[in-house]
C-alpha atoms as a PDB file:
ATOM      1  CA  MET A   1      81.402  84.936  65.766  1.00  0.00           C
ATOM      2  CA  TYR A   2      78.726  84.194  68.019  1.00  0.00           C
ATOM      3  CA  THR A   3      78.841  87.839  69.454  1.00  0.00           C
ATOM      4  CA  GLY A   4      77.992  89.167  65.588  1.00  0.00           C
ATOM      5  CA  ILE A   5      74.911  87.246  65.020  1.00  0.00           C
ATOM      6  CA  THR A   6      73.915  88.226  69.060  1.00  0.00           C
ATOM      7  CA  ARG A   7      74.120  91.664  68.383  1.00  0.00           C
ATOM      8  CA  ARG A   8      72.100  91.566  64.706  1.00  0.00           C
ATOM      9  CA  VAL A   9      69.479  89.536  66.727  1.00  0.00           C
ATOM     10  CA  ALA A  10      69.370  92.457  69.570  1.00  0.00           C
ATOM     11  CA  LEU A  11      69.438  95.091  66.681  1.00  0.00           C
ATOM     12  CA  ALA A  12      66.778  93.320  65.413  1.00  0.00           C
ATOM     13  CA  THR A  13      64.789  93.290  68.535  1.00  0.00           C
ATOM     14  CA  VAL A  14      65.172  96.754  69.270  1.00  0.00           C
ATOM     15  CA  VAL A  15      64.833  98.038  65.655  1.00  0.00           C
ATOM     16  CA  GLY A  16      61.083  96.039  65.358  1.00  0.00           C
ATOM     17  CA  GLY A  17      60.407  97.026  69.021  1.00  0.00           C
ATOM     18  CA  LEU A  18      60.676 101.020  67.884  1.00  0.00           C
ATOM     19  CA  LEU A  19      58.603 100.105  64.337  1.00  0.00           C
ATOM     20  CA  LEU A  20      55.841  98.452  66.609  1.00  0.00           C
ATOM     21  CA  SER A  21      55.434 101.165  69.070  1.00  0.00           C
ATOM     22  CA  THR A  22      55.843 103.736  66.410  1.00  0.00           C
ATOM     23  CA  ALA A  23      53.063 102.178  64.704  1.00  0.00           C
ATOM     24  CA  SER A  24      50.709 101.548  67.831  1.00  0.00           C
ATOM     25  CA  TRP A  25      51.501 105.388  68.888  1.00  0.00           C
ATOM     26  CA  ALA A  26      49.097 108.173  66.900  1.00  0.00           C
ATOM     27  CA  ALA A  27      50.161 111.001  65.622  1.00  0.00           C
ATOM     28  CA  THR A  28      47.765 114.214  65.992  1.00  0.00           C
ATOM     29  CA  PRO A  29      46.213 116.187  63.091  1.00  0.00           C
ATOM     30  CA  LEU A  30      48.987 119.053  63.684  1.00  0.00           C
ATOM     31  CA  GLN A  31      51.923 116.343  64.095  1.00  0.00           C
ATOM     32  CA  VAL A  32      50.998 114.638  60.788  1.00  0.00           C
ATOM     33  CA  VAL A  33      51.308 117.910  58.895  1.00  0.00           C
ATOM     34  CA  GLN A  34      54.441 119.238  60.878  1.00  0.00           C
ATOM     35  CA  GLN A  35      55.892 115.519  59.527  1.00  0.00           C
ATOM     36  CA  TYR A  36      54.766 116.287  55.826  1.00  0.00           C
ATOM     37  CA  MET A  37      56.037 119.750  55.920  1.00  0.00           C
ATOM     38  CA  ALA A  38      59.164 119.115  57.389  1.00  0.00           C
ATOM     39  CA  GLY A  39      59.555 116.545  54.171  1.00  0.00           C
ATOM     40  CA  TRP A  40      58.762 119.567  51.459  1.00  0.00           C
ATOM     41  CA  ASN A  41      61.760 121.770  53.747  1.00  0.00           C
ATOM     42  CA  ALA A  42      64.007 118.789  53.494  1.00  0.00           C
ATOM     43  CA  HIS A  43      63.365 118.711  49.869  1.00  0.00           C
ATOM     44  CA  ASP A  44      62.577 114.874  50.434  1.00  0.00           C
ATOM     45  CA  ALA A  45      59.768 113.824  48.215  1.00  0.00           C
ATOM     46  CA  ASN A  46      59.298 110.317  49.743  1.00  0.00           C
ATOM     47  CA  GLN A  47      59.924 111.684  53.152  1.00  0.00           C
ATOM     48  CA  ALA A  48      56.523 114.023  52.528  1.00  0.00           C
ATOM     49  CA  ALA A  49      54.881 111.409  50.826  1.00  0.00           C
ATOM     50  CA  MET A  50      55.059 108.929  54.006  1.00  0.00           C
ATOM     51  CA  ALA A  51      52.524 111.603  55.506  1.00  0.00           C
ATOM     52  CA  MET A  52      49.776 110.501  53.170  1.00  0.00           C
ATOM     53  CA  ASP A  53      47.549 107.547  52.688  1.00  0.00           C
ATOM     54  CA  PRO A  54      47.788 105.614  49.863  1.00  0.00           C
ATOM     55  CA  GLU A  55      44.516 106.910  48.526  1.00  0.00           C
ATOM     56  CA  VAL A  56      44.894 110.796  49.500  1.00  0.00           C
ATOM     57  CA  GLU A  57      43.207 113.366  47.826  1.00  0.00           C
ATOM     58  CA  TYR A  58      45.590 116.045  46.870  1.00  0.00           C
ATOM     59  CA  TYR A  59      43.184 119.016  45.495  1.00  0.00           C
ATOM     60  CA  ASP A  60      45.063 121.737  43.906  1.00  0.00           C
ATOM     61  CA  VAL A  61      42.734 124.927  42.927  1.00  0.00           C
ATOM     62  CA  THR A  62      44.606 126.438  40.469  1.00  0.00           C
ATOM     63  CA  VAL A  63      44.885 122.966  38.470  1.00  0.00           C
ATOM     64  CA  GLY A  64      41.193 122.268  38.842  1.00  0.00           C
ATOM     65  CA  GLU A  65      41.107 118.633  39.443  1.00  0.00           C
ATOM     66  CA  SER A  66      42.010 116.147  42.315  1.00  0.00           C
ATOM     67  CA  GLN A  67      45.556 114.076  42.020  1.00  0.00           C
ATOM     68  CA  TYR A  68      44.485 110.794  43.476  1.00  0.00           C
ATOM     69  CA  GLY A  69      47.098 108.283  45.365  1.00  0.00           C
ATOM     70  CA  VAL A  70      49.961 108.824  46.906  1.00  0.00           C
ATOM     71  CA  MET A  71      52.673 108.356  43.918  1.00  0.00           C
ATOM     72  CA  VAL A  72      50.821 110.585  41.806  1.00  0.00           C
ATOM     73  CA  ALA A  73      50.575 113.441  44.685  1.00  0.00           C
ATOM     74  CA  ARG A  74      54.253 112.821  45.487  1.00  0.00           C
ATOM     75  CA  ASP A  75      55.363 112.815  41.715  1.00  0.00           C
ATOM     76  CA  ASN A  76      52.758 115.337  40.367  1.00  0.00           C
ATOM     77  CA  VAL A  77      52.785 117.972  42.913  1.00  0.00           C
ATOM     78  CA  ILE A  78      55.347 117.324  45.304  1.00  0.00           C
ATOM     79  CA  ARG A  79      58.663 116.298  43.463  1.00  0.00           C
ATOM     80  CA  PHE A  80      57.125 118.953  40.911  1.00  0.00           C
ATOM     81  CA  PHE A  81      57.385 121.824  43.036  1.00  0.00           C
ATOM     82  CA  MET A  82      60.965 120.680  44.642  1.00  0.00           C
ATOM     83  CA  ASN A  83      62.341 120.190  41.034  1.00  0.00           C
ATOM     84  CA  SER A  84      60.848 123.942  40.081  1.00  0.00           C
ATOM     85  CA  PHE A  85      62.010 125.311  43.210  1.00  0.00           C
ATOM     86  CA  PRO A  86      64.976 123.257  44.494  1.00  0.00           C
ATOM     87  CA  ASP A  87      65.350 125.727  47.586  1.00  0.00           C
ATOM     88  CA  LEU A  88      61.584 126.168  48.107  1.00  0.00           C
ATOM     89  CA  LYS A  89      60.939 126.580  51.901  1.00  0.00           C
ATOM     90  CA  TRP A  90      57.284 125.933  52.819  1.00  0.00           C
ATOM     91  CA  GLN A  91      56.187 127.691  55.971  1.00  0.00           C
ATOM     92  CA  MET A  92      53.168 127.982  58.414  1.00  0.00           C
ATOM     93  CA  LEU A  93      51.705 130.830  59.343  1.00  0.00           C
ATOM     94  CA  ASP A  94      49.787 132.252  62.199  1.00  0.00           C
ATOM     95  CA  GLN A  95      48.470 129.259  64.367  1.00  0.00           C
ATOM     96  CA  PRO A  96      46.461 126.425  62.690  1.00  0.00           C
ATOM     97  CA  VAL A  97      43.071 125.928  63.527  1.00  0.00           C
ATOM     98  CA  VAL A  98      42.812 122.472  64.573  1.00  0.00           C
ATOM     99  CA  THR A  99      40.281 120.070  64.591  1.00  0.00           C
ATOM    100  CA  LYS A 100      39.583 116.341  65.944  1.00  0.00           C
ATOM    101  CA  ASN A 101      41.344 115.195  62.225  1.00  0.00           C
ATOM    102  CA  GLU A 102      41.719 118.475  60.468  1.00  0.00           C
ATOM    103  CA  VAL A 103      44.247 120.797  60.134  1.00  0.00           C
ATOM    104  CA  VAL A 104      43.684 124.468  58.372  1.00  0.00           C
ATOM    105  CA  PHE A 105      46.484 127.174  57.802  1.00  0.00           C
ATOM    106  CA  ARG A 106      47.729 129.959  56.194  1.00  0.00           C
ATOM    107  CA  TRP A 107      51.421 129.271  54.727  1.00  0.00           C
ATOM    108  CA  ARG A 108      53.804 130.920  52.695  1.00  0.00           C
ATOM    109  CA  PHE A 109      55.965 129.098  50.276  1.00  0.00           C
ATOM    110  CA  THR A 110      59.199 130.739  48.904  1.00  0.00           C
ATOM    111  CA  GLY A 111      62.220 129.653  46.331  1.00  0.00           C
ATOM    112  CA  THR A 112      63.988 130.459  43.143  1.00  0.00           C
ATOM    113  CA  ASN A 113      62.642 128.873  39.843  1.00  0.00           C
ATOM    114  CA  THR A 114      66.020 127.238  38.677  1.00  0.00           C
ATOM    115  CA  GLY A 115      64.311 123.994  38.132  1.00  0.00           C
ATOM    116  CA  PRO A 116      61.770 123.693  34.995  1.00  0.00           C
ATOM    117  CA  ASN A 117      59.453 126.867  34.833  1.00  0.00           C
ATOM    118  CA  ILE A 118      55.623 125.613  36.287  1.00  0.00           C
ATOM    119  CA  ASP A 119      54.347 126.251  32.910  1.00  0.00           C
ATOM    120  CA  ALA A 120      55.993 124.042  30.669  1.00  0.00           C
ATOM    121  CA  SER A 121      54.539 126.094  27.661  1.00  0.00           C
ATOM    122  CA  ILE A 122      56.317 129.187  28.376  1.00  0.00           C
ATOM    123  CA  ASN A 123      59.931 129.522  27.427  1.00  0.00           C
ATOM    124  CA  GLU A 124      59.801 125.703  26.464  1.00  0.00           C
ATOM    125  CA  GLY A 125      59.647 125.145  30.514  1.00  0.00           C
ATOM    126  CA  LYS A 126      63.095 126.682  30.904  1.00  0.00           C
ATOM    127  CA  PRO A 127      63.743 128.143  34.410  1.00  0.00           C
ATOM    128  CA  THR A 128      63.019 131.654  35.141  1.00  0.00           C
ATOM    129  CA  GLY A 129      65.963 131.778  37.470  1.00  0.00           C
ATOM    130  CA  LYS A 130      63.176 134.596  39.475  1.00  0.00           C
ATOM    131  CA  PRO A 131      62.568 134.408  43.441  1.00  0.00           C
ATOM    132  CA  ILE A 132      58.686 134.052  44.301  1.00  0.00           C
ATOM    133  CA  SER A 133      57.189 134.277  47.712  1.00  0.00           C
ATOM    134  CA  PHE A 134      53.398 133.702  47.717  1.00  0.00           C
ATOM    135  CA  GLU A 135      50.414 132.834  50.130  1.00  0.00           C
ATOM    136  CA  GLY A 136      47.991 130.487  51.117  1.00  0.00           C
ATOM    137  CA  LEU A 137      45.760 128.389  52.476  1.00  0.00           C
ATOM    138  CA  SER A 138      45.855 124.555  52.846  1.00  0.00           C
ATOM    139  CA  LEU A 139      43.125 122.223  54.416  1.00  0.00           C
ATOM    140  CA  ILE A 140      44.597 118.784  55.339  1.00  0.00           C
ATOM    141  CA  ARG A 141      41.957 115.866  56.796  1.00  0.00           C
ATOM    142  CA  VAL A 142      44.045 113.230  58.759  1.00  0.00           C
ATOM    143  CA  LYS A 143      42.582 109.664  59.250  1.00  0.00           C
ATOM    144  CA  ASN A 144      45.162 107.124  61.224  1.00  0.00           C
ATOM    145  CA  SER A 145      47.549 109.681  61.299  1.00  0.00           C
ATOM    146  CA  LYS A 146      47.850 109.890  57.569  1.00  0.00           C
ATOM    147  CA  ILE A 147      46.730 112.676  55.226  1.00  0.00           C
ATOM    148  CA  VAL A 148      43.868 111.343  53.465  1.00  0.00           C
ATOM    149  CA  TYR A 149      43.087 115.107  51.527  1.00  0.00           C
ATOM    150  CA  GLN A 150      45.008 117.844  51.376  1.00  0.00           C
ATOM    151  CA  GLY A 151      43.499 120.788  49.271  1.00  0.00           C
ATOM    152  CA  ASP A 152      45.786 124.038  48.323  1.00  0.00           C
ATOM    153  CA  PHE A 153      44.204 127.176  47.404  1.00  0.00           C
ATOM    154  CA  TYR A 154      46.393 130.190  46.346  1.00  0.00           C
ATOM    155  CA  ASP A 155      46.978 132.890  44.009  1.00  0.00           C
ATOM    156  CA  ALA A 156      48.394 131.629  41.032  1.00  0.00           C
ATOM    157  CA  LEU A 157      48.097 135.149  39.140  1.00  0.00           C
ATOM    158  CA  SER A 158      50.578 136.385  41.548  1.00  0.00           C
ATOM    159  CA  LEU A 159      53.138 133.294  41.336  1.00  0.00           C
ATOM    160  CA  ASN A 160      53.084 133.533  37.568  1.00  0.00           C
ATOM    161  CA  LYS A 161      53.234 137.284  37.827  1.00  0.00           C
ATOM    162  CA  GLN A 162      56.406 136.429  39.748  1.00  0.00           C
ATOM    163  CA  LEU A 163      57.778 134.028  37.778  1.00  0.00           C
ATOM    164  CA  GLY A 164      57.447 136.431  34.405  1.00  0.00           C
ATOM    165  CA  ASN A 165      54.903 134.307  32.398  1.00  0.00           C
ATOM    166  CA  ILE A 166      52.418 136.514  32.778  1.00  0.00           C
ATOM    167  CA  LYS A 167      52.770 140.282  32.501  1.00  0.00           C
END
């Protein structure tokens, strides 16, 4: 019994030390973006959201207004896309442009719409079963190793044509 307590105390000390060391370690903006994209590609909305500041602003040009707050961004953007395209893949293209607190990069998003259609007014939001592949550009601002702003710019017309939402 005494050995079990000693092991738990040792484990808590190690884990606590790791948490302290990672908390004091400042990730570069590119590392934060890579961690964020890894969450998307693992289909884990919570993992992706962990890279975001609680007060993040998420702007999707096709929506025309920002989403504010990590929970709103996670549920209205990240989870929404993960549910609509369960096999999604988000790939960074070319070399990103990285500054002290920003990362700008071209990307490709692929997947198959086997979840809800991105346009709920079409076919009662039922999945199309169609594959998509479209490219865009993101501007991500990082402060204190967290994403504080993300702006996504892409051709929604092309995406909707691929889904059959527009002829």
